[in-house]
Amino acid sequence: MLGLDPETAVKRLETAGKPVRLVEVRSKKGGKGNDRRIIKTTETESETVVYWSAFKTEVTTPQSPDGDSDGLT
């Protein structure tokens, strides 16, 4: 399950007949991410708890003063 997106993980667990509870985990800074992934799972007697977090995986390249995107002058 680790590394999967939450929707895929929930579908797989529910197909296997397991009740699922999703828990979002955030950093104190609260940075915005664009890629949701499972970071931890635990099982209790009644359900599987799936912890997920959003990671920033799109990196923007700063523009250099001469207009190139390589950052070199």
PDB file of N, CA and C in Angstrom:
ATOM      1  N   MET A   1       0.802  -1.199   0.000  1.00  0.00           N
ATOM      2  CA  MET A   1       0.000   0.000   0.000  1.00  0.00           C
ATOM      3  C   MET A   1       0.851   1.272   0.000  1.00  0.00           C
ATOM      4  N   LEU A   2       2.010   1.212   0.643  1.00  0.00           N
ATOM      5  CA  LEU A   2       2.831   2.418   0.759  1.00  0.00           C
ATOM      6  C   LEU A   2       3.174   2.966  -0.623  1.00  0.00           C
ATOM      7  N   GLY A   3       3.004   4.277  -0.758  1.00  0.00           N
ATOM      8  CA  GLY A   3       3.314   4.948  -2.009  1.00  0.00           C
ATOM      9  C   GLY A   3       2.147   5.043  -2.971  1.00  0.00           C
ATOM     10  N   LEU A   4       1.090   4.276  -2.748  1.00  0.00           N
ATOM     11  CA  LEU A   4      -0.080   4.358  -3.624  1.00  0.00           C
ATOM     12  C   LEU A   4      -0.867   5.628  -3.325  1.00  0.00           C
ATOM     13  N   ASP A   5      -1.707   6.044  -4.278  1.00  0.00           N
ATOM     14  CA  ASP A   5      -2.605   7.154  -3.988  1.00  0.00           C
ATOM     15  C   ASP A   5      -3.745   6.615  -3.130  1.00  0.00           C
ATOM     16  N   PRO A   6      -4.348   7.444  -2.291  1.00  0.00           N
ATOM     17  CA  PRO A   6      -5.383   6.976  -1.361  1.00  0.00           C
ATOM     18  C   PRO A   6      -6.569   6.277  -2.032  1.00  0.00           C
ATOM     19  N   GLU A   7      -6.995   6.763  -3.180  1.00  0.00           N
ATOM     20  CA  GLU A   7      -8.151   6.170  -3.847  1.00  0.00           C
ATOM     21  C   GLU A   7      -7.876   4.728  -4.256  1.00  0.00           C
ATOM     22  N   THR A   8      -6.695   4.463  -4.799  1.00  0.00           N
ATOM     23  CA  THR A   8      -6.324   3.104  -5.199  1.00  0.00           C
ATOM     24  C   THR A   8      -6.240   2.189  -3.988  1.00  0.00           C
ATOM     25  N   ALA A   9      -5.645   2.683  -2.913  1.00  0.00           N
ATOM     26  CA  ALA A   9      -5.503   1.879  -1.698  1.00  0.00           C
ATOM     27  C   ALA A   9      -6.868   1.515  -1.124  1.00  0.00           C
ATOM     28  N   VAL A  10      -7.778   2.475  -1.068  1.00  0.00           N
ATOM     29  CA  VAL A  10      -9.119   2.227  -0.523  1.00  0.00           C
ATOM     30  C   VAL A  10      -9.846   1.194  -1.382  1.00  0.00           C
ATOM     31  N   LYS A  11      -9.777   1.329  -2.701  1.00  0.00           N
ATOM     32  CA  LYS A  11     -10.441   0.371  -3.588  1.00  0.00           C
ATOM     33  C   LYS A  11      -9.922  -1.044  -3.352  1.00  0.00           C
ATOM     34  N   ARG A  12      -8.597  -1.184  -3.238  1.00  0.00           N
ATOM     35  CA  ARG A  12      -8.015  -2.514  -3.026  1.00  0.00           C
ATOM     36  C   ARG A  12      -8.466  -3.119  -1.700  1.00  0.00           C
ATOM     37  N   LEU A  13      -8.459  -2.315  -0.653  1.00  0.00           N
ATOM     38  CA  LEU A  13      -8.852  -2.831   0.659  1.00  0.00           C
ATOM     39  C   LEU A  13     -10.335  -3.159   0.707  1.00  0.00           C
ATOM     40  N   GLU A  14     -11.172  -2.300   0.138  1.00  0.00           N
ATOM     41  CA  GLU A  14     -12.612  -2.557   0.141  1.00  0.00           C
ATOM     42  C   GLU A  14     -12.964  -3.772  -0.708  1.00  0.00           C
ATOM     43  N   THR A  15     -12.239  -3.978  -1.798  1.00  0.00           N
ATOM     44  CA  THR A  15     -12.443  -5.166  -2.626  1.00  0.00           C
ATOM     45  C   THR A  15     -12.133  -6.431  -1.828  1.00  0.00           C
ATOM     46  N   ALA A  16     -11.142  -6.320  -0.941  1.00  0.00           N
ATOM     47  CA  ALA A  16     -10.779  -7.447  -0.077  1.00  0.00           C
ATOM     48  C   ALA A  16     -11.736  -7.586   1.114  1.00  0.00           C
ATOM     49  N   GLY A  17     -12.745  -6.699   1.205  1.00  0.00           N
ATOM     50  CA  GLY A  17     -13.745  -6.783   2.249  1.00  0.00           C
ATOM     51  C   GLY A  17     -13.339  -6.164   3.570  1.00  0.00           C
ATOM     52  N   LYS A  18     -12.362  -5.246   3.537  1.00  0.00           N
ATOM     53  CA  LYS A  18     -11.902  -4.622   4.774  1.00  0.00           C
ATOM     54  C   LYS A  18     -12.423  -3.194   4.884  1.00  0.00           C
ATOM     55  N   PRO A  19     -13.017  -2.824   6.027  1.00  0.00           N
ATOM     56  CA  PRO A  19     -13.419  -1.431   6.244  1.00  0.00           C
ATOM     57  C   PRO A  19     -12.166  -0.554   6.341  1.00  0.00           C
ATOM     58  N   VAL A  20     -12.255   0.646   5.779  1.00  0.00           N
ATOM     59  CA  VAL A  20     -11.091   1.534   5.706  1.00  0.00           C
ATOM     60  C   VAL A  20     -11.418   2.893   6.295  1.00  0.00           C
ATOM     61  N   ARG A  21     -10.454   3.451   7.005  1.00  0.00           N
ATOM     62  CA  ARG A  21     -10.557   4.840   7.490  1.00  0.00           C
ATOM     63  C   ARG A  21      -9.324   5.576   7.006  1.00  0.00           C
ATOM     64  N   LEU A  22      -9.529   6.692   6.306  1.00  0.00           N
ATOM     65  CA  LEU A  22      -8.425   7.518   5.810  1.00  0.00           C
ATOM     66  C   LEU A  22      -8.100   8.614   6.812  1.00  0.00           C
ATOM     67  N   VAL A  23      -6.803   8.840   7.033  1.00  0.00           N
ATOM     68  CA  VAL A  23      -6.347   9.906   7.925  1.00  0.00           C
ATOM     69  C   VAL A  23      -5.298  10.716   7.180  1.00  0.00           C
ATOM     70  N   GLU A  24      -5.537  12.022   7.066  1.00  0.00           N
ATOM     71  CA  GLU A  24      -4.567  12.901   6.413  1.00  0.00           C
ATOM     72  C   GLU A  24      -3.505  13.330   7.422  1.00  0.00           C
ATOM     73  N   VAL A  25      -2.250  13.321   6.989  1.00  0.00           N
ATOM     74  CA  VAL A  25      -1.131  13.749   7.819  1.00  0.00           C
ATOM     75  C   VAL A  25      -0.508  14.969   7.152  1.00  0.00           C
ATOM     76  N   ARG A  26      -0.315  16.039   7.944  1.00  0.00           N
ATOM     77  CA  ARG A  26       0.266  17.283   7.403  1.00  0.00           C
ATOM     78  C   ARG A  26       1.459  17.718   8.234  1.00  0.00           C
ATOM     79  N   SER A  27       2.350  18.466   7.600  1.00  0.00           N
ATOM     80  CA  SER A  27       3.470  19.033   8.337  1.00  0.00           C
ATOM     81  C   SER A  27       2.999  20.268   9.091  1.00  0.00           C
ATOM     82  N   LYS A  28       3.775  20.706  10.053  1.00  0.00           N
ATOM     83  CA  LYS A  28       3.409  21.912  10.803  1.00  0.00           C
ATOM     84  C   LYS A  28       3.381  23.141   9.909  1.00  0.00           C
ATOM     85  N   LYS A  29       4.247  23.164   8.897  1.00  0.00           N
ATOM     86  CA  LYS A  29       4.279  24.295   7.972  1.00  0.00           C
ATOM     87  C   LYS A  29       3.078  24.289   7.038  1.00  0.00           C
ATOM     88  N   GLY A  30       2.514  23.131   6.815  1.00  0.00           N
ATOM     89  CA  GLY A  30       1.312  23.046   5.985  1.00  0.00           C
ATOM     90  C   GLY A  30       1.551  23.333   4.520  1.00  0.00           C
ATOM     91  N   GLY A  31       2.684  22.914   3.991  1.00  0.00           N
ATOM     92  CA  GLY A  31       2.971  23.137   2.575  1.00  0.00           C
ATOM     93  C   GLY A  31       1.973  22.418   1.683  1.00  0.00           C
ATOM     94  N   LYS A  32       1.702  23.016   0.531  1.00  0.00           N
ATOM     95  CA  LYS A  32       0.727  22.423  -0.383  1.00  0.00           C
ATOM     96  C   LYS A  32       1.426  21.426  -1.294  1.00  0.00           C
ATOM     97  N   GLY A  33       0.819  20.276  -1.416  1.00  0.00           N
ATOM     98  CA  GLY A  33       1.357  19.244  -2.280  1.00  0.00           C
ATOM     99  C   GLY A  33       0.401  18.916  -3.405  1.00  0.00           C
ATOM    100  N   ASN A  34       0.914  18.265  -4.423  1.00  0.00           N
ATOM    101  CA  ASN A  34       0.095  17.923  -5.573  1.00  0.00           C
ATOM    102  C   ASN A  34       0.019  16.412  -5.806  1.00  0.00           C
ATOM    103  N   ASP A  35       0.747  15.631  -5.021  1.00  0.00           N
ATOM    104  CA  ASP A  35       0.809  14.194  -5.231  1.00  0.00           C
ATOM    105  C   ASP A  35       0.488  13.490  -3.914  1.00  0.00           C
ATOM    106  N   ARG A  36      -0.718  12.902  -3.821  1.00  0.00           N
ATOM    107  CA  ARG A  36      -1.153  12.249  -2.583  1.00  0.00           C
ATOM    108  C   ARG A  36      -0.669  10.808  -2.555  1.00  0.00           C
ATOM    109  N   ARG A  37      -0.055  10.411  -1.423  1.00  0.00           N
ATOM    110  CA  ARG A  37       0.482   9.057  -1.293  1.00  0.00           C
ATOM    111  C   ARG A  37       0.236   8.492   0.101  1.00  0.00           C
ATOM    112  N   ILE A  38       0.133   7.171   0.163  1.00  0.00           N
ATOM    113  CA  ILE A  38       0.011   6.476   1.437  1.00  0.00           C
ATOM    114  C   ILE A  38       1.378   6.436   2.101  1.00  0.00           C
ATOM    115  N   ILE A  39       1.434   6.814   3.392  1.00  0.00           N
ATOM    116  CA  ILE A  39       2.700   6.812   4.114  1.00  0.00           C
ATOM    117  C   ILE A  39       2.733   5.791   5.248  1.00  0.00           C
ATOM    118  N   LYS A  40       1.543   5.268   5.643  1.00  0.00           N
ATOM    119  CA  LYS A  40       1.494   4.316   6.748  1.00  0.00           C
ATOM    120  C   LYS A  40       0.130   3.638   6.755  1.00  0.00           C
ATOM    121  N   THR A  41       0.096   2.384   7.174  1.00  0.00           N
ATOM    122  CA  THR A  41      -1.170   1.705   7.399  1.00  0.00           C
ATOM    123  C   THR A  41      -1.098   0.936   8.714  1.00  0.00           C
ATOM    124  N   THR A  42      -2.208   0.866   9.403  1.00  0.00           N
ATOM    125  CA  THR A  42      -2.306   0.037  10.608  1.00  0.00           C
ATOM    126  C   THR A  42      -3.633  -0.702  10.559  1.00  0.00           C
ATOM    127  N   GLU A  43      -3.653  -1.874  11.157  1.00  0.00           N
ATOM    128  CA  GLU A  43      -4.886  -2.658  11.198  1.00  0.00           C
ATOM    129  C   GLU A  43      -5.349  -2.822  12.635  1.00  0.00           C
ATOM    130  N   THR A  44      -6.629  -2.609  12.845  1.00  0.00           N
ATOM    131  CA  THR A  44      -7.248  -2.881  14.137  1.00  0.00           C
ATOM    132  C   THR A  44      -8.199  -4.058  13.934  1.00  0.00           C
ATOM    133  N   GLU A  45      -8.883  -4.433  14.978  1.00  0.00           N
ATOM    134  CA  GLU A  45      -9.846  -5.533  14.857  1.00  0.00           C
ATOM    135  C   GLU A  45     -11.002  -5.170  13.931  1.00  0.00           C
ATOM    136  N   SER A  46     -11.332  -3.883  13.864  1.00  0.00           N
ATOM    137  CA  SER A  46     -12.519  -3.483  13.113  1.00  0.00           C
ATOM    138  C   SER A  46     -12.242  -2.796  11.776  1.00  0.00           C
ATOM    139  N   GLU A  47     -11.006  -2.327  11.541  1.00  0.00           N
ATOM    140  CA  GLU A  47     -10.757  -1.575  10.311  1.00  0.00           C
ATOM    141  C   GLU A  47      -9.263  -1.494   9.988  1.00  0.00           C
ATOM    142  N   THR A  48      -8.990  -1.044   8.773  1.00  0.00           N
ATOM    143  CA  THR A  48      -7.626  -0.710   8.375  1.00  0.00           C
ATOM    144  C   THR A  48      -7.545   0.810   8.312  1.00  0.00           C
ATOM    145  N   VAL A  49      -6.583   1.376   9.015  1.00  0.00           N
ATOM    146  CA  VAL A  49      -6.395   2.826   9.017  1.00  0.00           C
ATOM    147  C   VAL A  49      -5.274   3.142   8.029  1.00  0.00           C
ATOM    148  N   VAL A  50      -5.590   4.013   7.084  1.00  0.00           N
ATOM    149  CA  VAL A  50      -4.642   4.374   6.033  1.00  0.00           C
ATOM    150  C   VAL A  50      -4.280   5.845   6.203  1.00  0.00           C
ATOM    151  N   TYR A  51      -2.999   6.119   6.426  1.00  0.00           N
ATOM    152  CA  TYR A  51      -2.505   7.481   6.603  1.00  0.00           C
ATOM    153  C   TYR A  51      -1.910   7.958   5.285  1.00  0.00           C
ATOM    154  N   TRP A  52      -2.303   9.158   4.863  1.00  0.00           N
ATOM    155  CA  TRP A  52      -1.784   9.689   3.610  1.00  0.00           C
ATOM    156  C   TRP A  52      -1.326  11.130   3.798  1.00  0.00           C
ATOM    157  N   SER A  53      -0.467  11.550   2.882  1.00  0.00           N
ATOM    158  CA  SER A  53       0.028  12.920   2.890  1.00  0.00           C
ATOM    159  C   SER A  53       0.228  13.373   1.448  1.00  0.00           C
ATOM    160  N   ALA A  54       0.190  14.675   1.247  1.00  0.00           N
ATOM    161  CA  ALA A  54       0.408  15.240  -0.085  1.00  0.00           C
ATOM    162  C   ALA A  54       1.849  15.734  -0.183  1.00  0.00           C
ATOM    163  N   PHE A  55       2.499  15.338  -1.259  1.00  0.00           N
ATOM    164  CA  PHE A  55       3.889  15.717  -1.481  1.00  0.00           C
ATOM    165  C   PHE A  55       3.993  16.641  -2.683  1.00  0.00           C
ATOM    166  N   LYS A  56       4.876  17.602  -2.599  1.00  0.00           N
ATOM    167  CA  LYS A  56       5.115  18.498  -3.723  1.00  0.00           C
ATOM    168  C   LYS A  56       6.137  17.828  -4.627  1.00  0.00           C
ATOM    169  N   THR A  57       5.680  17.362  -5.783  1.00  0.00           N
ATOM    170  CA  THR A  57       6.574  16.673  -6.706  1.00  0.00           C
ATOM    171  C   THR A  57       6.826  17.456  -7.989  1.00  0.00           C
ATOM    172  N   GLU A  58       6.071  18.532  -8.198  1.00  0.00           N
ATOM    173  CA  GLU A  58       6.313  19.387  -9.361  1.00  0.00           C
ATOM    174  C   GLU A  58       7.247  20.506  -8.944  1.00  0.00           C
ATOM    175  N   VAL A  59       8.397  20.565  -9.588  1.00  0.00           N
ATOM    176  CA  VAL A  59       9.389  21.573  -9.244  1.00  0.00           C
ATOM    177  C   VAL A  59       9.369  22.653 -10.314  1.00  0.00           C
ATOM    178  N   THR A  60       9.313  23.891  -9.875  1.00  0.00           N
ATOM    179  CA  THR A  60       9.364  24.996 -10.825  1.00  0.00           C
ATOM    180  C   THR A  60      10.800  25.483 -10.931  1.00  0.00           C
ATOM    181  N   THR A  61      11.205  25.807 -12.147  1.00  0.00           N
ATOM    182  CA  THR A  61      12.557  26.280 -12.395  1.00  0.00           C
ATOM    183  C   THR A  61      12.544  27.803 -12.424  1.00  0.00           C
ATOM    184  N   PRO A  62      13.353  28.435 -11.572  1.00  0.00           N
ATOM    185  CA  PRO A  62      13.374  29.903 -11.578  1.00  0.00           C
ATOM    186  C   PRO A  62      13.969  30.443 -12.879  1.00  0.00           C
ATOM    187  N   GLN A  63      13.475  31.574 -13.290  1.00  0.00           N
ATOM    188  CA  GLN A  63      14.004  32.235 -14.496  1.00  0.00           C
ATOM    189  C   GLN A  63      15.241  33.036 -14.140  1.00  0.00           C
ATOM    190  N   SER A  64      16.254  32.932 -14.980  1.00  0.00           N
ATOM    191  CA  SER A  64      17.459  33.725 -14.784  1.00  0.00           C
ATOM    192  C   SER A  64      17.231  35.141 -15.318  1.00  0.00           C
ATOM    193  N   PRO A  65      18.087  36.081 -14.957  1.00  0.00           N
ATOM    194  CA  PRO A  65      17.929  37.457 -15.439  1.00  0.00           C
ATOM    195  C   PRO A  65      17.943  37.578 -16.964  1.00  0.00           C
ATOM    196  N   ASP A  66      18.626  36.650 -17.649  1.00  0.00           N
ATOM    197  CA  ASP A  66      18.677  36.746 -19.129  1.00  0.00           C
ATOM    198  C   ASP A  66      17.493  36.031 -19.796  1.00  0.00           C
ATOM    199  N   GLY A  67      16.526  35.546 -19.004  1.00  0.00           N
ATOM    200  CA  GLY A  67      15.322  34.950 -19.570  1.00  0.00           C
ATOM    201  C   GLY A  67      15.379  33.456 -19.774  1.00  0.00           C
ATOM    202  N   ASP A  68      16.549  32.850 -19.592  1.00  0.00           N
ATOM    203  CA  ASP A  68      16.653  31.387 -19.710  1.00  0.00           C
ATOM    204  C   ASP A  68      16.117  30.733 -18.442  1.00  0.00           C
ATOM    205  N   SER A  69      15.718  29.483 -18.579  1.00  0.00           N
ATOM    206  CA  SER A  69      15.187  28.784 -17.413  1.00  0.00           C
ATOM    207  C   SER A  69      16.250  27.956 -16.698  1.00  0.00           C
ATOM    208  N   ASP A  70      17.517  28.078 -17.118  1.00  0.00           N
ATOM    209  CA  ASP A  70      18.563  27.270 -16.485  1.00  0.00           C
ATOM    210  C   ASP A  70      19.122  27.918 -15.220  1.00  0.00           C
ATOM    211  N   GLY A  71      18.780  29.164 -14.978  1.00  0.00           N
ATOM    212  CA  GLY A  71      19.257  29.841 -13.784  1.00  0.00           C
ATOM    213  C   GLY A  71      20.686  30.338 -13.870  1.00  0.00           C
ATOM    214  N   LEU A  72      21.309  30.142 -15.023  1.00  0.00           N
ATOM    215  CA  LEU A  72      22.703  30.589 -15.203  1.00  0.00           C
ATOM    216  C   LEU A  72      22.723  31.869 -16.011  1.00  0.00           C
ATOM    217  N   THR A  73      23.681  32.737 -15.741  1.00  0.00           N
ATOM    218  CA  THR A  73      23.791  33.978 -16.509  1.00  0.00           C
ATOM    219  C   THR A  73      24.972  33.938 -17.425  1.00  0.00           C
TER     220      THR A  73
END
